[in-house]
Amino acid sequence: MTRYLAVEWAPDNIRVNSIAPWYVRTPLTEPVLADPAFYDRVITATPMGRVGNPEEIAAAAAFFCMPAASYITGQTITADGGFTAQGLV
């Protein structure tokens, strides 16, 4: 959808980008991450060895709003601590 809308709206100077996070510590994920076995699986699967925090995702969103990103559209920032870099998905 990100790429489709980016192409569709580019003539109107509207940029469309997205962020694909892995596990981020929020009130929504806290009950799941509270399970020690599950948390250990997530941490083991994440090369950076931790879950993300909301500020890190917000920083990615802020980047898309900066003048430095004015020629970027149709892109996804994967904020996952290196999980997808392993080629597992």
PDB file of N, CA and C in Angstrom:
ATOM      1  N   MET A   1       0.821  -1.175   0.000  1.00  0.00           N
ATOM      2  CA  MET A   1       0.000   0.000   0.000  1.00  0.00           C
ATOM      3  C   MET A   1       0.879   1.258   0.000  1.00  0.00           C
ATOM      4  N   THR A   2       1.988   1.220   0.732  1.00  0.00           N
ATOM      5  CA  THR A   2       2.879   2.385   0.787  1.00  0.00           C
ATOM      6  C   THR A   2       3.352   2.774  -0.607  1.00  0.00           C
ATOM      7  N   ARG A   3       3.820   1.801  -1.361  1.00  0.00           N
ATOM      8  CA  ARG A   3       4.336   2.099  -2.700  1.00  0.00           C
ATOM      9  C   ARG A   3       3.228   2.564  -3.641  1.00  0.00           C
ATOM     10  N   TYR A   4       2.088   1.905  -3.570  1.00  0.00           N
ATOM     11  CA  TYR A   4       0.972   2.271  -4.443  1.00  0.00           C
ATOM     12  C   TYR A   4       0.568   3.722  -4.196  1.00  0.00           C
ATOM     13  N   LEU A   5       0.353   4.065  -2.921  1.00  0.00           N
ATOM     14  CA  LEU A   5      -0.075   5.427  -2.607  1.00  0.00           C
ATOM     15  C   LEU A   5       1.015   6.442  -2.918  1.00  0.00           C
ATOM     16  N   ALA A   6       2.275   6.065  -2.744  1.00  0.00           N
ATOM     17  CA  ALA A   6       3.370   6.972  -3.070  1.00  0.00           C
ATOM     18  C   ALA A   6       3.339   7.351  -4.544  1.00  0.00           C
ATOM     19  N   VAL A   7       3.120   6.373  -5.396  1.00  0.00           N
ATOM     20  CA  VAL A   7       3.053   6.631  -6.839  1.00  0.00           C
ATOM     21  C   VAL A   7       1.795   7.428  -7.179  1.00  0.00           C
ATOM     22  N   GLU A   8       0.690   7.049  -6.573  1.00  0.00           N
ATOM     23  CA  GLU A   8      -0.594   7.709  -6.838  1.00  0.00           C
ATOM     24  C   GLU A   8      -0.571   9.184  -6.442  1.00  0.00           C
ATOM     25  N   TRP A   9       0.019   9.497  -5.318  1.00  0.00           N
ATOM     26  CA  TRP A   9      -0.054  10.855  -4.775  1.00  0.00           C
ATOM     27  C   TRP A   9       1.173  11.716  -5.056  1.00  0.00           C
ATOM     28  N   ALA A  10       2.230  11.139  -5.615  1.00  0.00           N
ATOM     29  CA  ALA A  10       3.446  11.904  -5.901  1.00  0.00           C
ATOM     30  C   ALA A  10       3.191  13.130  -6.779  1.00  0.00           C
ATOM     31  N   PRO A  11       2.330  13.049  -7.803  1.00  0.00           N
ATOM     32  CA  PRO A  11       2.085  14.237  -8.618  1.00  0.00           C
ATOM     33  C   PRO A  11       1.509  15.412  -7.821  1.00  0.00           C
ATOM     34  N   ASP A  12       0.901  15.119  -6.684  1.00  0.00           N
ATOM     35  CA  ASP A  12       0.356  16.176  -5.822  1.00  0.00           C
ATOM     36  C   ASP A  12       1.350  16.579  -4.731  1.00  0.00           C
ATOM     37  N   ASN A  13       2.599  16.143  -4.881  1.00  0.00           N
ATOM     38  CA  ASN A  13       3.666  16.445  -3.926  1.00  0.00           C
ATOM     39  C   ASN A  13       3.370  15.905  -2.525  1.00  0.00           C
ATOM     40  N   ILE A  14       2.694  14.769  -2.488  1.00  0.00           N
ATOM     41  CA  ILE A  14       2.415  14.084  -1.224  1.00  0.00           C
ATOM     42  C   ILE A  14       3.317  12.858  -1.166  1.00  0.00           C
ATOM     43  N   ARG A  15       4.098  12.777  -0.109  1.00  0.00           N
ATOM     44  CA  ARG A  15       4.994  11.640   0.076  1.00  0.00           C
ATOM     45  C   ARG A  15       4.340  10.631   1.005  1.00  0.00           C
ATOM     46  N   VAL A  16       4.531   9.358   0.723  1.00  0.00           N
ATOM     47  CA  VAL A  16       3.980   8.276   1.547  1.00  0.00           C
ATOM     48  C   VAL A  16       5.114   7.311   1.871  1.00  0.00           C
ATOM     49  N   ASN A  17       5.353   7.135   3.151  1.00  0.00           N
ATOM     50  CA  ASN A  17       6.381   6.212   3.622  1.00  0.00           C
ATOM     51  C   ASN A  17       5.811   5.445   4.807  1.00  0.00           C
ATOM     52  N   SER A  18       6.503   4.421   5.229  1.00  0.00           N
ATOM     53  CA  SER A  18       5.999   3.632   6.357  1.00  0.00           C
ATOM     54  C   SER A  18       7.150   3.156   7.234  1.00  0.00           C
ATOM     55  N   ILE A  19       6.773   2.688   8.407  1.00  0.00           N
ATOM     56  CA  ILE A  19       7.732   2.140   9.362  1.00  0.00           C
ATOM     57  C   ILE A  19       7.243   0.751   9.739  1.00  0.00           C
ATOM     58  N   ALA A  20       8.139  -0.220   9.688  1.00  0.00           N
ATOM     59  CA  ALA A  20       7.806  -1.605  10.036  1.00  0.00           C
ATOM     60  C   ALA A  20       8.607  -1.990  11.279  1.00  0.00           C
ATOM     61  N   PRO A  21       8.009  -1.834  12.461  1.00  0.00           N
ATOM     62  CA  PRO A  21       8.747  -2.175  13.679  1.00  0.00           C
ATOM     63  C   PRO A  21       8.652  -3.650  14.026  1.00  0.00           C
ATOM     64  N   TRP A  22       9.577  -4.115  14.819  1.00  0.00           N
ATOM     65  CA  TRP A  22       9.567  -5.443  15.433  1.00  0.00           C
ATOM     66  C   TRP A  22       8.936  -5.227  16.799  1.00  0.00           C
ATOM     67  N   TYR A  23       9.339  -5.929  17.808  1.00  0.00           N
ATOM     68  CA  TYR A  23       8.726  -5.735  19.124  1.00  0.00           C
ATOM     69  C   TYR A  23       9.204  -4.430  19.749  1.00  0.00           C
ATOM     70  N   VAL A  24       8.244  -3.630  20.189  1.00  0.00           N
ATOM     71  CA  VAL A  24       8.501  -2.354  20.843  1.00  0.00           C
ATOM     72  C   VAL A  24       7.780  -2.395  22.186  1.00  0.00           C
ATOM     73  N   ARG A  25       8.469  -1.972  23.233  1.00  0.00           N
ATOM     74  CA  ARG A  25       7.876  -2.010  24.570  1.00  0.00           C
ATOM     75  C   ARG A  25       6.834  -0.891  24.701  1.00  0.00           C
ATOM     76  N   THR A  26       5.567  -1.292  24.715  1.00  0.00           N
ATOM     77  CA  THR A  26       4.440  -0.375  24.881  1.00  0.00           C
ATOM     78  C   THR A  26       3.429  -1.045  25.807  1.00  0.00           C
ATOM     79  N   PRO A  27       2.420  -0.303  26.263  1.00  0.00           N
ATOM     80  CA  PRO A  27       1.381  -0.950  27.070  1.00  0.00           C
ATOM     81  C   PRO A  27       0.698  -2.108  26.333  1.00  0.00           C
ATOM     82  N   LEU A  28       0.616  -2.032  25.021  1.00  0.00           N
ATOM     83  CA  LEU A  28      -0.018  -3.099  24.245  1.00  0.00           C
ATOM     84  C   LEU A  28       0.827  -4.379  24.236  1.00  0.00           C
ATOM     85  N   THR A  29       2.131  -4.244  24.135  1.00  0.00           N
ATOM     86  CA  THR A  29       2.997  -5.427  24.067  1.00  0.00           C
ATOM     87  C   THR A  29       3.470  -5.904  25.438  1.00  0.00           C
ATOM     88  N   GLU A  30       3.297  -5.094  26.451  1.00  0.00           N
ATOM     89  CA  GLU A  30       3.803  -5.450  27.781  1.00  0.00           C
ATOM     90  C   GLU A  30       3.300  -6.801  28.287  1.00  0.00           C
ATOM     91  N   PRO A  31       1.997  -7.129  28.145  1.00  0.00           N
ATOM     92  CA  PRO A  31       1.552  -8.444  28.630  1.00  0.00           C
ATOM     93  C   PRO A  31       2.244  -9.613  27.921  1.00  0.00           C
ATOM     94  N   VAL A  32       2.517  -9.476  26.650  1.00  0.00           N
ATOM     95  CA  VAL A  32       3.183 -10.542  25.899  1.00  0.00           C
ATOM     96  C   VAL A  32       4.657 -10.630  26.297  1.00  0.00           C
ATOM     97  N   LEU A  33       5.295  -9.474  26.408  1.00  0.00           N
ATOM     98  CA  LEU A  33       6.717  -9.457  26.756  1.00  0.00           C
ATOM     99  C   LEU A  33       6.956  -9.827  28.218  1.00  0.00           C
ATOM    100  N   ALA A  34       5.902  -9.819  29.028  1.00  0.00           N
ATOM    101  CA  ALA A  34       6.028 -10.200  30.439  1.00  0.00           C
ATOM    102  C   ALA A  34       6.239 -11.705  30.612  1.00  0.00           C
ATOM    103  N   ASP A  35       5.922 -12.478  29.589  1.00  0.00           N
ATOM    104  CA  ASP A  35       6.153 -13.929  29.630  1.00  0.00           C
ATOM    105  C   ASP A  35       7.653 -14.165  29.412  1.00  0.00           C
ATOM    106  N   PRO A  36       8.375 -14.627  30.441  1.00  0.00           N
ATOM    107  CA  PRO A  36       9.833 -14.773  30.318  1.00  0.00           C
ATOM    108  C   PRO A  36      10.282 -15.643  29.143  1.00  0.00           C
ATOM    109  N   ALA A  37       9.580 -16.722  28.882  1.00  0.00           N
ATOM    110  CA  ALA A  37       9.974 -17.606  27.773  1.00  0.00           C
ATOM    111  C   ALA A  37       9.817 -16.889  26.433  1.00  0.00           C
ATOM    112  N   PHE A  38       8.707 -16.182  26.261  1.00  0.00           N
ATOM    113  CA  PHE A  38       8.477 -15.447  25.015  1.00  0.00           C
ATOM    114  C   PHE A  38       9.503 -14.324  24.864  1.00  0.00           C
ATOM    115  N   TYR A  39       9.714 -13.577  25.931  1.00  0.00           N
ATOM    116  CA  TYR A  39      10.677 -12.475  25.906  1.00  0.00           C
ATOM    117  C   TYR A  39      12.068 -12.986  25.515  1.00  0.00           C
ATOM    118  N   ASP A  40      12.469 -14.099  26.093  1.00  0.00           N
ATOM    119  CA  ASP A  40      13.773 -14.678  25.762  1.00  0.00           C
ATOM    120  C   ASP A  40      13.868 -15.065  24.290  1.00  0.00           C
ATOM    121  N   ARG A  41      12.769 -15.587  23.720  1.00  0.00           N
ATOM    122  CA  ARG A  41      12.770 -15.933  22.285  1.00  0.00           C
ATOM    123  C   ARG A  41      12.933 -14.676  21.430  1.00  0.00           C
ATOM    124  N   VAL A  42      12.231 -13.613  21.810  1.00  0.00           N
ATOM    125  CA  VAL A  42      12.325 -12.360  21.054  1.00  0.00           C
ATOM    126  C   VAL A  42      13.746 -11.810  21.131  1.00  0.00           C
ATOM    127  N   ILE A  43      14.298 -11.760  22.319  1.00  0.00           N
ATOM    128  CA  ILE A  43      15.646 -11.218  22.506  1.00  0.00           C
ATOM    129  C   ILE A  43      16.683 -12.058  21.764  1.00  0.00           C
ATOM    130  N   THR A  44      16.547 -13.360  21.815  1.00  0.00           N
ATOM    131  CA  THR A  44      17.476 -14.258  21.124  1.00  0.00           C
ATOM    132  C   THR A  44      17.387 -14.078  19.610  1.00  0.00           C
ATOM    133  N   ALA A  45      16.189 -13.818  19.103  1.00  0.00           N
ATOM    134  CA  ALA A  45      15.986 -13.664  17.660  1.00  0.00           C
ATOM    135  C   ALA A  45      16.392 -12.286  17.147  1.00  0.00           C
ATOM    136  N   THR A  46      16.631 -11.346  18.051  1.00  0.00           N
ATOM    137  CA  THR A  46      16.949  -9.972  17.671  1.00  0.00           C
ATOM    138  C   THR A  46      18.449  -9.728  17.819  1.00  0.00           C
ATOM    139  N   PRO A  47      19.170  -9.484  16.721  1.00  0.00           N
ATOM    140  CA  PRO A  47      20.612  -9.294  16.815  1.00  0.00           C
ATOM    141  C   PRO A  47      21.048  -8.215  17.813  1.00  0.00           C
ATOM    142  N   MET A  48      20.268  -7.164  17.966  1.00  0.00           N
ATOM    143  CA  MET A  48      20.638  -6.128  18.929  1.00  0.00           C
ATOM    144  C   MET A  48      20.363  -6.556  20.366  1.00  0.00           C
ATOM    145  N   GLY A  49      19.686  -7.684  20.543  1.00  0.00           N
ATOM    146  CA  GLY A  49      19.496  -8.251  21.867  1.00  0.00           C
ATOM    147  C   GLY A  49      18.549  -7.512  22.783  1.00  0.00           C
ATOM    148  N   ARG A  50      17.593  -6.800  22.209  1.00  0.00           N
ATOM    149  CA  ARG A  50      16.623  -6.064  23.021  1.00  0.00           C
ATOM    150  C   ARG A  50      15.402  -5.724  22.188  1.00  0.00           C
ATOM    151  N   VAL A  51      14.341  -5.307  22.852  1.00  0.00           N
ATOM    152  CA  VAL A  51      13.176  -4.795  22.139  1.00  0.00           C
ATOM    153  C   VAL A  51      13.384  -3.297  21.947  1.00  0.00           C
ATOM    154  N   GLY A  52      12.639  -2.739  21.023  1.00  0.00           N
ATOM    155  CA  GLY A  52      12.736  -1.311  20.774  1.00  0.00           C
ATOM    156  C   GLY A  52      11.948  -0.513  21.793  1.00  0.00           C
ATOM    157  N   ASN A  53      12.128   0.799  21.738  1.00  0.00           N
ATOM    158  CA  ASN A  53      11.301   1.662  22.571  1.00  0.00           C
ATOM    159  C   ASN A  53      10.570   2.647  21.667  1.00  0.00           C
ATOM    160  N   PRO A  54       9.450   3.179  22.122  1.00  0.00           N
ATOM    161  CA  PRO A  54       8.640   4.054  21.270  1.00  0.00           C
ATOM    162  C   PRO A  54       9.404   5.252  20.713  1.00  0.00           C
ATOM    163  N   GLU A  55      10.353   5.768  21.480  1.00  0.00           N
ATOM    164  CA  GLU A  55      11.114   6.927  21.010  1.00  0.00           C
ATOM    165  C   GLU A  55      11.922   6.602  19.755  1.00  0.00           C
ATOM    166  N   GLU A  56      12.367   5.378  19.636  1.00  0.00           N
ATOM    167  CA  GLU A  56      13.131   4.991  18.449  1.00  0.00           C
ATOM    168  C   GLU A  56      12.242   4.945  17.210  1.00  0.00           C
ATOM    169  N   ILE A  57      11.020   4.501  17.377  1.00  0.00           N
ATOM    170  CA  ILE A  57      10.079   4.481  16.252  1.00  0.00           C
ATOM    171  C   ILE A  57       9.675   5.910  15.897  1.00  0.00           C
ATOM    172  N   ALA A  58       9.473   6.730  16.924  1.00  0.00           N
ATOM    173  CA  ALA A  58       9.137   8.139  16.693  1.00  0.00           C
ATOM    174  C   ALA A  58      10.263   8.848  15.947  1.00  0.00           C
ATOM    175  N   ALA A  59      11.501   8.506  16.247  1.00  0.00           N
ATOM    176  CA  ALA A  59      12.635   9.124  15.554  1.00  0.00           C
ATOM    177  C   ALA A  59      12.630   8.777  14.067  1.00  0.00           C
ATOM    178  N   ALA A  60      12.252   7.553  13.741  1.00  0.00           N
ATOM    179  CA  ALA A  60      12.152   7.168  12.328  1.00  0.00           C
ATOM    180  C   ALA A  60      11.054   7.970  11.639  1.00  0.00           C
ATOM    181  N   ALA A  61       9.929   8.139  12.324  1.00  0.00           N
ATOM    182  CA  ALA A  61       8.832   8.940  11.760  1.00  0.00           C
ATOM    183  C   ALA A  61       9.268  10.391  11.588  1.00  0.00           C
ATOM    184  N   ALA A  62       9.992  10.917  12.565  1.00  0.00           N
ATOM    185  CA  ALA A  62      10.470  12.299  12.478  1.00  0.00           C
ATOM    186  C   ALA A  62      11.415  12.474  11.292  1.00  0.00           C
ATOM    187  N   PHE A  63      12.248  11.472  11.020  1.00  0.00           N
ATOM    188  CA  PHE A  63      13.148  11.553   9.872  1.00  0.00           C
ATOM    189  C   PHE A  63      12.364  11.783   8.582  1.00  0.00           C
ATOM    190  N   PHE A  64      11.273  11.042   8.397  1.00  0.00           N
ATOM    191  CA  PHE A  64      10.481  11.196   7.177  1.00  0.00           C
ATOM    192  C   PHE A  64       9.917  12.609   7.036  1.00  0.00           C
ATOM    193  N   CYS A  65       9.803  13.337   8.135  1.00  0.00           N
ATOM    194  CA  CYS A  65       9.249  14.697   8.110  1.00  0.00           C
ATOM    195  C   CYS A  65      10.310  15.762   7.864  1.00  0.00           C
ATOM    196  N   MET A  66      11.563  15.391   7.906  1.00  0.00           N
ATOM    197  CA  MET A  66      12.658  16.353   7.777  1.00  0.00           C
ATOM    198  C   MET A  66      12.888  16.755   6.318  1.00  0.00           C
ATOM    199  N   PRO A  67      13.415  17.956   6.103  1.00  0.00           N
ATOM    200  CA  PRO A  67      13.768  18.357   4.744  1.00  0.00           C
ATOM    201  C   PRO A  67      14.735  17.377   4.074  1.00  0.00           C
ATOM    202  N   ALA A  68      15.585  16.737   4.843  1.00  0.00           N
ATOM    203  CA  ALA A  68      16.539  15.772   4.279  1.00  0.00           C
ATOM    204  C   ALA A  68      15.835  14.599   3.613  1.00  0.00           C
ATOM    205  N   ALA A  69      14.577  14.363   3.959  1.00  0.00           N
ATOM    206  CA  ALA A  69      13.821  13.245   3.385  1.00  0.00           C
ATOM    207  C   ALA A  69      12.815  13.712   2.333  1.00  0.00           C
ATOM    208  N   SER A  70      12.972  14.934   1.851  1.00  0.00           N
ATOM    209  CA  SER A  70      11.964  15.497   0.945  1.00  0.00           C
ATOM    210  C   SER A  70      11.864  14.790  -0.409  1.00  0.00           C
ATOM    211  N   TYR A  71      12.871  14.008  -0.783  1.00  0.00           N
ATOM    212  CA  TYR A  71      12.839  13.289  -2.058  1.00  0.00           C
ATOM    213  C   TYR A  71      12.618  11.800  -1.847  1.00  0.00           C
ATOM    214  N   ILE A  72      12.198  11.426  -0.655  1.00  0.00           N
ATOM    215  CA  ILE A  72      11.968  10.023  -0.316  1.00  0.00           C
ATOM    216  C   ILE A  72      10.474   9.763  -0.272  1.00  0.00           C
ATOM    217  N   THR A  73      10.037   8.797  -1.064  1.00  0.00           N
ATOM    218  CA  THR A  73       8.632   8.392  -1.031  1.00  0.00           C
ATOM    219  C   THR A  73       8.544   6.923  -1.437  1.00  0.00           C
ATOM    220  N   GLY A  74       7.548   6.245  -0.905  1.00  0.00           N
ATOM    221  CA  GLY A  74       7.344   4.836  -1.228  1.00  0.00           C
ATOM    222  C   GLY A  74       8.275   3.891  -0.490  1.00  0.00           C
ATOM    223  N   GLN A  75       8.890   4.362   0.577  1.00  0.00           N
ATOM    224  CA  GLN A  75       9.891   3.560   1.280  1.00  0.00           C
ATOM    225  C   GLN A  75       9.398   3.120   2.657  1.00  0.00           C
ATOM    226  N   THR A  76       9.982   2.041   3.136  1.00  0.00           N
ATOM    227  CA  THR A  76       9.686   1.527   4.468  1.00  0.00           C
ATOM    228  C   THR A  76      10.983   1.439   5.257  1.00  0.00           C
ATOM    229  N   ILE A  77      10.978   2.034   6.438  1.00  0.00           N
ATOM    230  CA  ILE A  77      12.094   1.856   7.368  1.00  0.00           C
ATOM    231  C   ILE A  77      11.735   0.673   8.249  1.00  0.00           C
ATOM    232  N   THR A  78      12.571  -0.334   8.239  1.00  0.00           N
ATOM    233  CA  THR A  78      12.365  -1.499   9.091  1.00  0.00           C
ATOM    234  C   THR A  78      13.156  -1.269  10.371  1.00  0.00           C
ATOM    235  N   ALA A  79      12.435  -1.012  11.453  1.00  0.00           N
ATOM    236  CA  ALA A  79      13.056  -0.738  12.756  1.00  0.00           C
ATOM    237  C   ALA A  79      12.896  -1.981  13.613  1.00  0.00           C
ATOM    238  N   ASP A  80      13.820  -2.921  13.448  1.00  0.00           N
ATOM    239  CA  ASP A  80      13.616  -4.232  14.081  1.00  0.00           C
ATOM    240  C   ASP A  80      14.855  -4.789  14.770  1.00  0.00           C
ATOM    241  N   GLY A  81      15.801  -3.934  15.106  1.00  0.00           N
ATOM    242  CA  GLY A  81      16.986  -4.406  15.807  1.00  0.00           C
ATOM    243  C   GLY A  81      17.809  -5.406  15.018  1.00  0.00           C
ATOM    244  N   GLY A  82      17.629  -5.443  13.713  1.00  0.00           N
ATOM    245  CA  GLY A  82      18.382  -6.351  12.854  1.00  0.00           C
ATOM    246  C   GLY A  82      17.702  -7.678  12.563  1.00  0.00           C
ATOM    247  N   PHE A  83      16.466  -7.849  13.033  1.00  0.00           N
ATOM    248  CA  PHE A  83      15.786  -9.137  12.855  1.00  0.00           C
ATOM    249  C   PHE A  83      15.699  -9.541  11.386  1.00  0.00           C
ATOM    250  N   THR A  84      15.193  -8.663  10.515  1.00  0.00           N
ATOM    251  CA  THR A  84      15.031  -9.045   9.107  1.00  0.00           C
ATOM    252  C   THR A  84      16.361  -9.112   8.363  1.00  0.00           C
ATOM    253  N   ALA A  85      17.401  -8.479   8.883  1.00  0.00           N
ATOM    254  CA  ALA A  85      18.717  -8.548   8.239  1.00  0.00           C
ATOM    255  C   ALA A  85      19.270  -9.968   8.242  1.00  0.00           C
ATOM    256  N   GLN A  86      18.732 -10.797   9.103  1.00  0.00           N
ATOM    257  CA  GLN A  86      19.171 -12.192   9.177  1.00  0.00           C
ATOM    258  C   GLN A  86      18.615 -13.037   8.039  1.00  0.00           C
ATOM    259  N   GLY A  87      17.638 -12.490   7.301  1.00  0.00           N
ATOM    260  CA  GLY A  87      17.046 -13.223   6.195  1.00  0.00           C
ATOM    261  C   GLY A  87      16.083 -14.316   6.618  1.00  0.00           C
ATOM    262  N   LEU A  88      15.527 -14.199   7.812  1.00  0.00           N
ATOM    263  CA  LEU A  88      14.622 -15.234   8.316  1.00  0.00           C
ATOM    264  C   LEU A  88      13.189 -15.071   7.841  1.00  0.00           C
ATOM    265  N   VAL A  89      12.853 -13.911   7.319  1.00  0.00           N
ATOM    266  CA  VAL A  89      11.478 -13.673   6.871  1.00  0.00           C
ATOM    267  C   VAL A  89      11.398 -13.511   5.390  1.00  0.00           C
TER     268      VAL A  89
END
